[in-house]
Amino acid sequence: MFGKRGNEGFGKAGGTTAPPPPVQQPSPSAPAVLVEPQREPSRQQVSPPPMQTPQRKRPTRTDEYYDTKAQVFSALIDTIDLSQLAKLDGESAREEIRDIVNDIITIKNFAMSISEQEELLEDICNDVLGYGPLEPLLARDDIADIMVNGAGQTFIEVGGKTIESEIRFRDNSQLLSICQRIVSQVGRRVDESSPICDARLPDGSRVNVIAPPLAIDGPALTIRKFKKDKLNLEQLVRFGAITPEGATLLQIIGRVRCNVVISGGTGSGKTTLLNCLTRYIDTDERVITCEDTAELQLQQPHVVRLETRPPNIEGEGEITMRDLVKNCLRMRPERIIVGEVRGPEVFDLLQAMNTGHDGSMGTIHSNSPRECLSRIESMIAMGGFTLPAKTVREIISGSIDIIVQAARLRDGSRRITQITEVIGMEGDVIITQDLMRYEIEGEDASGRLIGRHKSTGIGKPHFWDRARYFNEEKRLAAALDEMEAKSKD
């Protein structure tokens, strides 16, 4: 299966500081290999501890390591037939690469310990088959964000806190090559002529790339990771993001087809919360999602997923969010879910909410429910609509039923801080009422904030009749009563 092949397209790959996998003996294809490994195990037992020191903040790999890797990688590309390799499944392809790399190390007589050889094997497999140095970070489910600031600096967010990772890239060329590999999977590109790109990984994780000349110190890659196990409201209750009664209230809101806007700042968990709410949509409803990058993962059987498209190199062919929302109305949707409302498409979403598509949802960047309403007004004005302010507010108040406010607190925790109803108009002002609020009461010795969700005492919310229509009024009353009782404790 292997034959001579050039090194086009793979010459920019580099290293990673991924932890070494379980040790595998090198291929005994030549007698020389049997002599060298017999001497190395004694060194192997002594050298790893300093290499694995957890306190280090920077990678300890030397230029010599990268020089050796470059030689092995070049020989691999000259030897392997990539077209045949592409026909294999991932595990088989890794085994083939490992066998050939072991042979190359033996033939070129590189002085390496078994652990160093295993690290090199894993690095090269990641470079050929995956995303190079990013692979060990993508494999960790406890990381929420990966932020690469050029080849030599990578930060990760773990437990709500940002820390520096040991991962680095060989150079900016390798980093840009991996960025191009990621975005090309969804039909997009990033280069000097198109230096900004939004994309996604196969698991739905959001990717943003900004490349030189806009990024001065090398390509900047940001990945908002999605957990392999999708969160639900029960898990949010366990994390303290919401109370059990508040979770029941959100379930009812999703079930009775209230029009919902989820408001919050960057990293507050808006998309996660939107995914949680959509779990309570009936399975017989036709749902259409519109997103810039497809992140939502609905579990219903009747879902149509739409994604915007940037312009091509000639500046043509762009499909905006507004185009998608307009087209949704011709697709007989029962609910329209807009992943993130950023501009004039908010007007089309409000029109859909107000013309028979009850239960539609979307997310907006804002810091409070009142600010959310102001931003909606601003986005409508951005679209060039010359409507009186009172008319715009009447459209908003007649379309939106519930605003759910999410926040990321200063200790890194995420909380649902308000569940707010939009009631209607009083003069020129939109009237709202809170059903639940989160109040901070202090912090503990470790700096974690202490707070509690409290009821505002509303016993019969504005969407009561809608809940009764769906036979949910008893459960709604019980949740509100329990919330009120706990607030008085």
Protein backbone atom coordinates (compact mmCIF):
# COMPACT_ATOMS: atom_id res chain seq x y z
CA MET A 1 0.00 0.00 0.00
CA PHE A 2 3.00 2.28 0.41
CA GLY A 3 4.87 3.97 -2.37
CA LYS A 4 6.90 7.07 -3.16
CA ARG A 5 4.99 10.27 -2.60
CA GLY A 6 5.80 13.97 -2.38
CA ASN A 7 5.39 16.02 0.78
CA GLU A 8 2.88 18.57 -0.48
CA GLY A 9 0.31 19.67 2.07
CA PHE A 10 2.02 18.07 5.08
CA GLY A 11 5.35 19.84 5.31
CA LYS A 12 4.09 22.27 7.94
CA ALA A 13 3.09 19.83 10.59
CA GLY A 14 4.74 20.01 13.99
CA GLY A 15 4.84 18.75 17.55
CA THR A 16 2.72 18.55 20.63
CA THR A 17 3.31 18.03 24.30
CA ALA A 18 0.62 15.38 24.63
CA PRO A 19 1.18 12.85 27.39
CA PRO A 20 2.72 9.65 26.00
CA PRO A 21 0.34 6.74 25.36
CA PRO A 22 0.97 3.24 26.72
CA VAL A 23 4.39 2.02 25.69
CA GLN A 24 4.61 -0.08 22.54
CA GLN A 25 7.85 -1.78 21.55
CA PRO A 26 9.33 -0.57 18.28
CA SER A 27 9.07 -2.78 15.22
CA PRO A 28 11.94 -5.26 15.20
CA SER A 29 12.59 -4.91 11.50
CA ALA A 30 16.40 -4.76 11.85
CA PRO A 31 18.87 -6.32 14.28
CA ALA A 32 20.12 -2.89 15.35
CA VAL A 33 16.78 -2.14 16.98
CA LEU A 34 17.14 -5.16 19.28
CA VAL A 35 20.40 -3.85 20.68
CA GLU A 36 19.43 -0.24 21.40
CA PRO A 37 16.13 -0.79 23.28
CA GLN A 38 17.88 -3.32 25.59
CA ARG A 39 20.08 -0.52 26.92
CA GLU A 40 17.39 2.15 27.16
CA PRO A 41 14.92 0.76 29.72
CA SER A 42 17.30 1.47 32.60
CA ARG A 43 17.43 5.14 31.54
CA GLN A 44 13.67 5.05 30.99
CA GLN A 45 13.08 4.38 34.70
CA VAL A 46 15.14 7.41 35.76
CA SER A 47 14.51 10.14 33.20
CA PRO A 48 10.69 10.51 33.02
CA PRO A 49 10.07 12.16 36.45
CA PRO A 50 11.75 15.50 35.61
CA MET A 51 10.10 15.47 32.17
CA GLN A 52 6.64 15.06 33.74
CA THR A 53 6.97 17.78 36.39
CA PRO A 54 3.44 19.20 36.75
CA GLN A 55 4.63 22.64 37.86
CA ARG A 56 6.17 23.59 34.53
CA LYS A 57 4.32 26.26 32.60
CA ARG A 58 6.26 26.08 29.37
CA PRO A 59 7.09 23.06 27.20
CA THR A 60 10.51 21.55 27.83
CA ARG A 61 11.00 20.18 24.34
CA THR A 62 14.15 21.30 22.67
CA ASP A 63 14.96 22.40 19.16
CA GLU A 64 16.77 19.08 18.78
CA TYR A 65 13.48 17.24 19.36
CA TYR A 66 11.76 19.26 16.65
CA ASP A 67 14.68 18.77 14.25
CA THR A 68 14.49 15.01 14.79
CA LYS A 69 10.74 15.05 14.33
CA ALA A 70 11.03 17.06 11.11
CA GLN A 71 13.46 14.50 9.65
CA VAL A 72 11.26 11.56 10.64
CA PHE A 73 8.15 13.29 9.35
CA SER A 74 9.78 14.12 6.02
CA ALA A 75 10.90 10.51 5.58
CA LEU A 76 7.40 9.29 6.47
CA ILE A 77 5.73 11.49 3.86
CA ASP A 78 8.24 10.32 1.24
CA THR A 79 7.47 6.69 2.11
CA ILE A 80 3.77 6.46 2.77
CA ASP A 81 0.99 6.46 0.18
CA LEU A 82 -1.51 8.93 1.60
CA SER A 83 -4.26 7.96 -0.84
CA GLN A 84 -4.14 4.38 0.44
CA LEU A 85 -3.88 5.55 4.03
CA ALA A 86 -7.09 7.54 3.62
CA LYS A 87 -9.00 4.32 2.92
CA LEU A 88 -8.20 2.90 6.36
CA ASP A 89 -10.13 3.52 9.56
CA GLY A 90 -8.47 5.70 12.20
CA GLU A 91 -7.02 2.91 14.35
CA SER A 92 -5.60 0.97 11.41
CA ALA A 93 -4.07 4.13 9.95
CA ARG A 94 -2.38 4.88 13.27
CA GLU A 95 -0.91 1.39 13.42
CA GLU A 96 0.46 1.70 9.87
CA ILE A 97 2.06 5.05 10.66
CA ARG A 98 3.55 3.76 13.90
CA ASP A 99 5.12 0.77 12.13
CA ILE A 100 6.72 2.92 9.45
CA VAL A 101 7.97 5.55 11.93
CA ASN A 102 9.56 2.80 14.03
CA ASP A 103 11.36 1.55 10.93
CA ILE A 104 12.54 5.06 10.05
CA ILE A 105 13.92 5.62 13.57
CA THR A 106 15.78 2.31 13.34
CA ILE A 107 17.24 2.97 9.89
CA LYS A 108 18.36 6.52 10.72
CA ASN A 109 19.71 5.33 14.10
CA PHE A 110 18.27 8.17 16.19
CA ALA A 111 19.33 8.01 19.85
CA MET A 112 15.97 8.03 21.66
CA SER A 113 14.58 6.42 24.77
CA ILE A 114 11.41 4.34 24.49
CA SER A 115 9.31 7.09 26.11
CA GLU A 116 10.71 9.73 23.74
CA GLN A 117 10.02 7.44 20.81
CA GLU A 118 6.42 6.91 21.95
CA GLU A 119 5.89 10.67 22.30
CA LEU A 120 7.26 11.19 18.81
CA LEU A 121 4.99 8.45 17.42
CA GLU A 122 1.92 10.02 19.03
CA ASP A 123 2.87 13.50 17.80
CA ILE A 124 3.29 12.36 14.21
CA CYS A 125 0.04 10.36 14.25
CA ASN A 126 -1.79 13.47 15.50
CA ASP A 127 -0.17 15.60 12.81
CA VAL A 128 -1.12 13.26 9.96
CA LEU A 129 -4.56 12.15 11.12
CA GLY A 130 -5.79 14.87 13.47
CA TYR A 131 -5.19 18.42 14.64
CA GLY A 132 -1.61 18.07 15.81
CA PRO A 133 -0.86 19.59 19.25
CA LEU A 134 -4.57 20.33 19.79
CA GLU A 135 -5.48 16.63 20.00
CA PRO A 136 -4.75 16.10 23.73
CA LEU A 137 -6.72 19.25 24.60
CA LEU A 138 -9.69 18.27 22.44
CA ALA A 139 -9.73 14.85 24.10
CA ARG A 140 -10.23 16.38 27.57
CA ASP A 141 -13.86 16.87 28.54
CA ASP A 142 -13.08 19.24 31.42
CA ILE A 143 -11.85 22.02 29.11
CA ALA A 144 -14.44 24.64 28.11
CA ASP A 145 -12.27 26.88 25.88
CA ILE A 146 -8.99 26.57 24.02
CA MET A 147 -7.29 29.87 23.16
CA VAL A 148 -4.16 29.75 20.96
CA ASN A 149 -2.32 33.08 20.76
CA GLY A 150 0.25 32.29 18.12
CA ALA A 151 2.49 29.23 17.99
CA GLY A 152 4.14 29.63 21.40
CA GLN A 153 1.24 30.36 23.73
CA THR A 154 -1.94 28.38 24.45
CA PHE A 155 -4.46 28.99 27.22
CA ILE A 156 -7.34 26.79 28.36
CA GLU A 157 -10.37 27.37 30.56
CA VAL A 158 -10.91 24.72 33.24
CA GLY A 159 -13.51 25.09 35.98
CA GLY A 160 -14.27 28.65 34.99
CA LYS A 161 -10.62 29.75 35.31
CA THR A 162 -8.15 30.49 32.51
CA ILE A 163 -4.73 28.86 32.83
CA GLU A 164 -1.75 28.51 30.50
CA SER A 165 -1.26 25.13 28.85
CA GLU A 166 2.05 23.46 28.05
CA ILE A 167 0.93 22.91 24.47
CA ARG A 168 2.75 24.81 21.75
CA PHE A 169 3.18 24.58 17.99
CA ARG A 170 6.42 24.30 16.08
CA ASP A 171 5.83 27.62 14.33
CA ASN A 172 3.05 29.83 13.00
CA SER A 173 3.07 27.98 9.69
CA GLN A 174 2.08 24.76 11.41
CA LEU A 175 -0.64 26.53 13.40
CA LEU A 176 -2.08 28.13 10.25
CA SER A 177 -1.98 24.78 8.47
CA ILE A 178 -4.06 23.20 11.26
CA CYS A 179 -6.49 26.14 11.18
CA GLN A 180 -6.93 25.63 7.45
CA ARG A 181 -7.54 21.92 7.99
CA ILE A 182 -10.29 22.68 10.54
CA VAL A 183 -12.17 25.28 8.50
CA SER A 184 -11.87 23.37 5.21
CA GLN A 185 -14.00 20.58 6.70
CA VAL A 186 -17.02 22.89 6.62
CA GLY A 187 -16.23 24.39 3.22
CA ARG A 188 -14.55 27.56 4.45
CA ARG A 189 -11.06 28.98 4.18
CA VAL A 190 -8.66 31.20 6.08
CA ASP A 191 -5.67 32.96 4.49
CA GLU A 192 -4.34 36.46 3.90
CA SER A 193 -7.20 37.36 1.57
CA SER A 194 -9.81 36.00 4.01
CA PRO A 195 -8.19 36.25 7.44
CA ILE A 196 -11.32 35.89 9.63
CA CYS A 197 -13.34 32.69 9.73
CA ASP A 198 -15.98 31.02 11.89
CA ALA A 199 -16.23 27.24 11.65
CA ARG A 200 -17.03 24.19 13.76
CA LEU A 201 -15.52 20.84 14.66
CA PRO A 202 -17.37 17.59 13.91
CA ASP A 203 -18.68 17.49 17.51
CA GLY A 204 -20.24 20.95 17.14
CA SER A 205 -17.52 22.87 19.01
CA ARG A 206 -17.34 26.48 17.84
CA VAL A 207 -14.11 27.63 16.14
CA ASN A 208 -12.92 31.15 15.36
CA VAL A 209 -9.71 31.89 13.47
CA ILE A 210 -8.12 35.25 12.79
CA ALA A 211 -4.91 35.07 10.79
CA PRO A 212 -2.14 37.51 9.77
CA PRO A 213 -1.99 40.28 8.71
CA LEU A 214 -4.86 41.06 11.12
CA ALA A 215 -3.34 38.95 13.92
CA ILE A 216 0.10 40.48 14.42
CA ASP A 217 1.76 37.75 16.51
CA GLY A 218 0.56 34.79 14.42
CA PRO A 219 -2.80 33.08 13.91
CA ALA A 220 -5.20 33.31 16.85
CA LEU A 221 -7.40 30.23 17.22
CA THR A 222 -10.29 30.06 19.70
CA ILE A 223 -12.32 26.89 20.26
CA ARG A 224 -15.45 26.84 22.43
CA LYS A 225 -15.65 23.15 23.24
CA PHE A 226 -18.86 21.20 23.65
CA LYS A 227 -18.98 18.41 26.17
CA LYS A 228 -19.32 14.91 24.81
CA ASP A 229 -22.17 14.31 27.26
CA LYS A 230 -24.69 17.07 26.63
CA LEU A 231 -25.87 18.92 29.71
CA ASN A 232 -29.51 18.85 30.76
CA LEU A 233 -31.51 20.78 33.32
CA GLU A 234 -31.06 18.06 35.94
CA GLN A 235 -27.28 18.49 35.70
CA LEU A 236 -27.62 22.29 35.88
CA VAL A 237 -29.53 21.76 39.14
CA ARG A 238 -26.67 19.64 40.51
CA PHE A 239 -24.16 22.33 39.53
CA GLY A 240 -26.23 24.97 41.35
CA ALA A 241 -27.02 26.96 38.20
CA ILE A 242 -30.75 26.72 38.96
CA THR A 243 -33.00 25.26 41.67
CA PRO A 244 -35.18 22.17 41.07
CA GLU A 245 -38.27 24.41 41.10
CA GLY A 246 -36.64 26.81 38.64
CA ALA A 247 -35.77 23.87 36.38
CA THR A 248 -39.41 22.73 36.47
CA LEU A 249 -40.46 26.27 35.55
CA LEU A 250 -38.09 26.22 32.55
CA GLN A 251 -39.39 22.79 31.49
CA ILE A 252 -42.94 24.13 31.49
CA ILE A 253 -41.86 27.24 29.55
CA GLY A 254 -40.30 25.04 26.86
CA ARG A 255 -43.25 22.66 26.81
CA VAL A 256 -46.09 25.22 26.52
CA ARG A 257 -44.53 26.98 23.53
CA CYS A 258 -43.60 30.30 25.08
CA ASN A 259 -41.45 32.51 22.86
CA VAL A 260 -38.12 32.62 24.68
CA VAL A 261 -35.03 34.80 24.40
CA ILE A 262 -31.96 33.65 26.34
CA SER A 263 -29.84 36.63 27.32
CA GLY A 264 -26.30 36.64 28.68
CA GLY A 265 -22.71 37.68 28.20
CA THR A 266 -19.97 35.79 26.40
CA GLY A 267 -19.30 32.42 28.03
CA SER A 268 -22.38 32.57 30.27
CA GLY A 269 -23.83 29.33 28.88
CA LYS A 270 -26.54 30.64 26.54
CA THR A 271 -26.16 27.94 23.91
CA THR A 272 -26.01 25.21 26.57
CA LEU A 273 -29.22 26.53 28.14
CA LEU A 274 -30.91 26.74 24.74
CA ASN A 275 -29.98 23.10 24.12
CA CYS A 276 -31.50 22.19 27.49
CA LEU A 277 -34.78 23.99 26.77
CA THR A 278 -35.20 22.40 23.36
CA ARG A 279 -35.26 18.95 24.98
CA TYR A 280 -38.84 19.66 26.10
CA ILE A 281 -40.16 20.32 22.61
CA ASP A 282 -42.73 17.70 21.61
CA THR A 283 -41.38 15.09 19.22
CA ASP A 284 -44.15 15.70 16.67
CA GLU A 285 -43.16 19.35 16.09
CA ARG A 286 -41.17 20.47 13.03
CA VAL A 287 -38.22 22.53 14.23
CA ILE A 288 -35.88 24.60 12.03
CA THR A 289 -32.60 25.96 13.39
CA CYS A 290 -30.65 28.88 11.90
CA GLU A 291 -27.05 29.45 12.98
CA ASP A 292 -23.82 31.06 11.86
CA THR A 293 -22.02 27.87 12.84
CA ALA A 294 -24.16 24.82 13.55
CA GLU A 295 -23.80 24.20 17.30
CA LEU A 296 -27.28 23.26 18.50
CA GLN A 297 -27.83 19.54 18.96
CA LEU A 298 -31.57 18.96 19.14
CA GLN A 299 -32.82 15.48 20.00
CA GLN A 300 -36.19 15.68 18.24
CA PRO A 301 -36.74 13.51 15.14
CA HIS A 302 -38.06 16.33 12.91
CA VAL A 303 -35.29 18.94 12.82
CA VAL A 304 -33.93 20.91 9.85
CA ARG A 305 -30.56 22.57 10.46
CA LEU A 306 -29.55 25.63 8.43
CA GLU A 307 -26.23 27.47 8.44
CA THR A 308 -25.16 30.81 6.99
CA ARG A 309 -22.49 31.02 4.30
CA PRO A 310 -19.77 33.67 3.96
CA PRO A 311 -18.98 35.26 0.59
CA ASN A 312 -16.54 33.50 -1.72
CA ILE A 313 -13.20 34.92 -2.87
CA GLU A 314 -14.98 37.12 -5.42
CA GLY A 315 -17.22 38.51 -2.67
CA GLU A 316 -20.33 36.73 -3.92
CA GLY A 317 -22.63 33.98 -2.71
CA GLU A 318 -23.10 35.19 0.87
CA ILE A 319 -26.17 33.84 2.69
CA THR A 320 -26.95 35.90 5.80
CA MET A 321 -28.89 34.96 8.92
CA ARG A 322 -31.72 37.14 7.71
CA ASP A 323 -31.91 35.17 4.47
CA LEU A 324 -32.20 31.95 6.48
CA VAL A 325 -34.89 33.26 8.83
CA LYS A 326 -36.91 34.57 5.89
CA ASN A 327 -36.61 31.23 4.13
CA CYS A 328 -37.72 29.41 7.29
CA LEU A 329 -41.15 30.96 6.99
CA ARG A 330 -41.64 29.10 3.69
CA MET A 331 -40.66 25.73 5.16
CA ARG A 332 -43.73 25.19 7.35
CA PRO A 333 -41.92 25.39 10.68
CA GLU A 334 -43.70 25.01 13.99
CA ARG A 335 -40.75 26.42 15.89
CA ILE A 336 -37.81 28.51 14.68
CA ILE A 337 -34.61 28.39 16.75
CA VAL A 338 -32.02 31.09 16.01
CA GLY A 339 -28.69 30.17 17.56
CA GLU A 340 -27.52 33.76 18.04
CA VAL A 341 -29.35 36.94 17.11
CA ARG A 342 -26.83 39.64 16.19
CA GLY A 343 -28.47 41.99 13.73
CA PRO A 344 -31.51 42.85 11.61
CA GLU A 345 -32.66 39.21 11.51
CA VAL A 346 -34.20 39.87 14.94
CA PHE A 347 -37.08 41.67 13.19
CA ASP A 348 -37.89 38.61 11.08
CA LEU A 349 -37.67 36.40 14.17
CA LEU A 350 -40.11 38.66 16.03
CA GLN A 351 -42.46 38.57 13.06
CA ALA A 352 -42.30 34.77 13.07
CA MET A 353 -43.01 34.66 16.81
CA ASN A 354 -46.02 36.89 16.30
CA THR A 355 -47.51 35.07 13.30
CA GLY A 356 -48.16 31.54 14.45
CA HIS A 357 -44.70 30.11 15.21
CA ASP A 358 -45.14 29.96 18.97
CA GLY A 359 -42.31 28.45 20.94
CA SER A 360 -39.58 30.03 18.86
CA MET A 361 -36.29 30.74 20.66
CA GLY A 362 -33.03 32.60 20.26
CA THR A 363 -30.04 33.97 22.18
CA ILE A 364 -28.83 37.55 22.51
CA HIS A 365 -25.73 39.08 24.09
CA SER A 366 -26.84 41.36 26.93
CA ASN A 367 -26.36 41.72 30.66
CA SER A 368 -29.95 42.00 31.88
CA PRO A 369 -33.50 41.42 30.59
CA ARG A 370 -34.10 45.18 30.33
CA GLU A 371 -30.87 45.63 28.36
CA CYS A 372 -31.92 42.70 26.16
CA LEU A 373 -35.06 44.59 25.13
CA SER A 374 -33.01 47.71 24.38
CA ARG A 375 -30.59 45.70 22.23
CA ILE A 376 -33.47 44.24 20.25
CA GLU A 377 -34.64 47.79 19.52
CA SER A 378 -31.12 48.76 18.46
CA MET A 379 -30.77 45.74 16.15
CA ILE A 380 -34.08 46.56 14.48
CA ALA A 381 -32.81 50.10 13.88
CA MET A 382 -29.59 48.64 12.40
CA GLY A 383 -31.72 46.98 9.73
CA GLY A 384 -32.87 50.36 8.43
CA PHE A 385 -36.50 49.99 9.55
CA THR A 386 -38.02 53.42 9.95
CA LEU A 387 -40.69 52.51 12.45
CA PRO A 388 -41.76 54.67 15.39
CA ALA A 389 -40.21 53.60 18.68
CA LYS A 390 -43.61 52.80 20.18
CA THR A 391 -44.47 50.52 17.25
CA VAL A 392 -41.18 48.65 17.61
CA ARG A 393 -41.81 48.15 21.33
CA GLU A 394 -45.33 46.93 20.66
CA ILE A 395 -43.93 44.35 18.25
CA ILE A 396 -41.37 43.24 20.86
CA SER A 397 -43.87 43.01 23.71
CA GLY A 398 -46.35 41.15 21.52
CA SER A 399 -43.74 38.62 20.39
CA ILE A 400 -41.53 37.71 23.36
CA ASP A 401 -43.01 35.91 26.37
CA ILE A 402 -39.97 35.01 28.49
CA ILE A 403 -36.41 36.30 28.89
CA VAL A 404 -34.01 33.91 30.66
CA GLN A 405 -30.89 35.68 31.91
CA ALA A 406 -27.68 33.67 32.26
CA ALA A 407 -24.48 35.00 33.80
CA ARG A 408 -20.92 33.94 34.43
CA LEU A 409 -19.96 35.19 37.88
CA ARG A 410 -16.52 36.44 38.89
CA ASP A 411 -15.61 33.12 40.53
CA GLY A 412 -16.10 31.35 37.18
CA SER A 413 -19.45 29.75 38.07
CA ARG A 414 -22.45 30.05 35.76
CA ARG A 415 -25.92 30.83 37.08
CA ILE A 416 -29.38 31.51 35.70
CA THR A 417 -29.88 34.86 37.40
CA GLN A 418 -33.38 35.85 36.24
CA ILE A 419 -36.48 34.39 34.64
CA THR A 420 -38.48 37.38 33.44
CA GLU A 421 -41.88 37.69 31.79
CA VAL A 422 -42.68 40.32 29.16
CA ILE A 423 -46.23 41.40 30.02
CA GLY A 424 -47.09 44.17 27.59
CA MET A 425 -47.01 47.94 27.19
CA GLU A 426 -47.81 50.77 29.55
CA GLY A 427 -47.61 53.97 27.59
CA ASP A 428 -44.31 53.83 25.69
CA VAL A 429 -42.64 51.43 28.13
CA ILE A 430 -42.42 47.63 27.90
CA ILE A 431 -43.56 46.12 31.20
CA THR A 432 -41.75 43.08 32.62
CA GLN A 433 -41.94 41.09 35.83
CA ASP A 434 -39.40 38.71 37.35
CA LEU A 435 -40.55 35.24 38.37
CA MET A 436 -37.20 34.35 39.94
CA ARG A 437 -33.92 36.10 40.77
CA TYR A 438 -30.50 35.00 41.94
CA GLU A 439 -29.11 37.05 44.81
CA ILE A 440 -25.48 36.95 45.90
CA GLU A 441 -25.10 36.83 49.68
CA GLY A 442 -21.31 36.70 50.05
CA GLU A 443 -18.36 34.42 49.40
CA ASP A 444 -16.61 31.61 51.22
CA ALA A 445 -12.97 31.34 52.30
CA SER A 446 -11.93 29.95 48.91
CA GLY A 447 -13.44 32.89 47.01
CA ARG A 448 -16.51 31.03 45.74
CA LEU A 449 -19.62 33.19 45.68
CA ILE A 450 -22.54 32.21 47.92
CA GLY A 451 -26.05 33.01 46.75
CA ARG A 452 -29.55 31.65 46.35
CA HIS A 453 -32.41 31.72 43.88
CA LYS A 454 -35.44 33.50 45.29
CA SER A 455 -39.03 33.76 44.16
CA THR A 456 -40.47 37.22 43.59
CA GLY A 457 -43.85 36.11 44.93
CA ILE A 458 -45.68 35.98 41.60
CA GLY A 459 -48.31 33.26 42.07
CA LYS A 460 -50.02 33.49 38.69
CA PRO A 461 -47.66 34.39 35.84
CA HIS A 462 -48.77 36.03 32.63
CA PHE A 463 -48.47 32.76 30.67
CA TRP A 464 -50.83 30.95 33.07
CA ASP A 465 -53.56 30.55 30.44
CA ARG A 466 -51.05 29.08 28.02
CA ALA A 467 -49.97 26.59 30.69
CA ARG A 468 -53.59 25.65 31.33
CA TYR A 469 -54.09 25.09 27.59
CA PHE A 470 -51.30 22.49 27.75
CA ASN A 471 -52.56 20.99 31.06
CA GLU A 472 -49.48 22.21 32.91
CA GLU A 473 -51.13 24.68 35.32
CA LYS A 474 -50.99 22.34 38.34
CA ARG A 475 -47.30 21.63 37.90
CA LEU A 476 -46.65 25.34 37.34
CA ALA A 477 -48.54 26.28 40.52
CA ALA A 478 -46.70 23.64 42.54
CA ALA A 479 -43.30 24.86 41.31
CA LEU A 480 -44.11 28.50 42.09
CA ASP A 481 -45.46 27.62 45.54
CA GLU A 482 -42.37 25.54 46.38
CA MET A 483 -40.11 28.32 45.14
CA GLU A 484 -41.96 30.83 47.32
CA ALA A 485 -41.79 28.58 50.39
CA LYS A 486 -38.03 28.07 50.04
CA SER A 487 -37.48 31.81 49.58
CA LYS A 488 -39.05 32.44 53.03
CA ASP A 489 -36.82 29.91 54.79
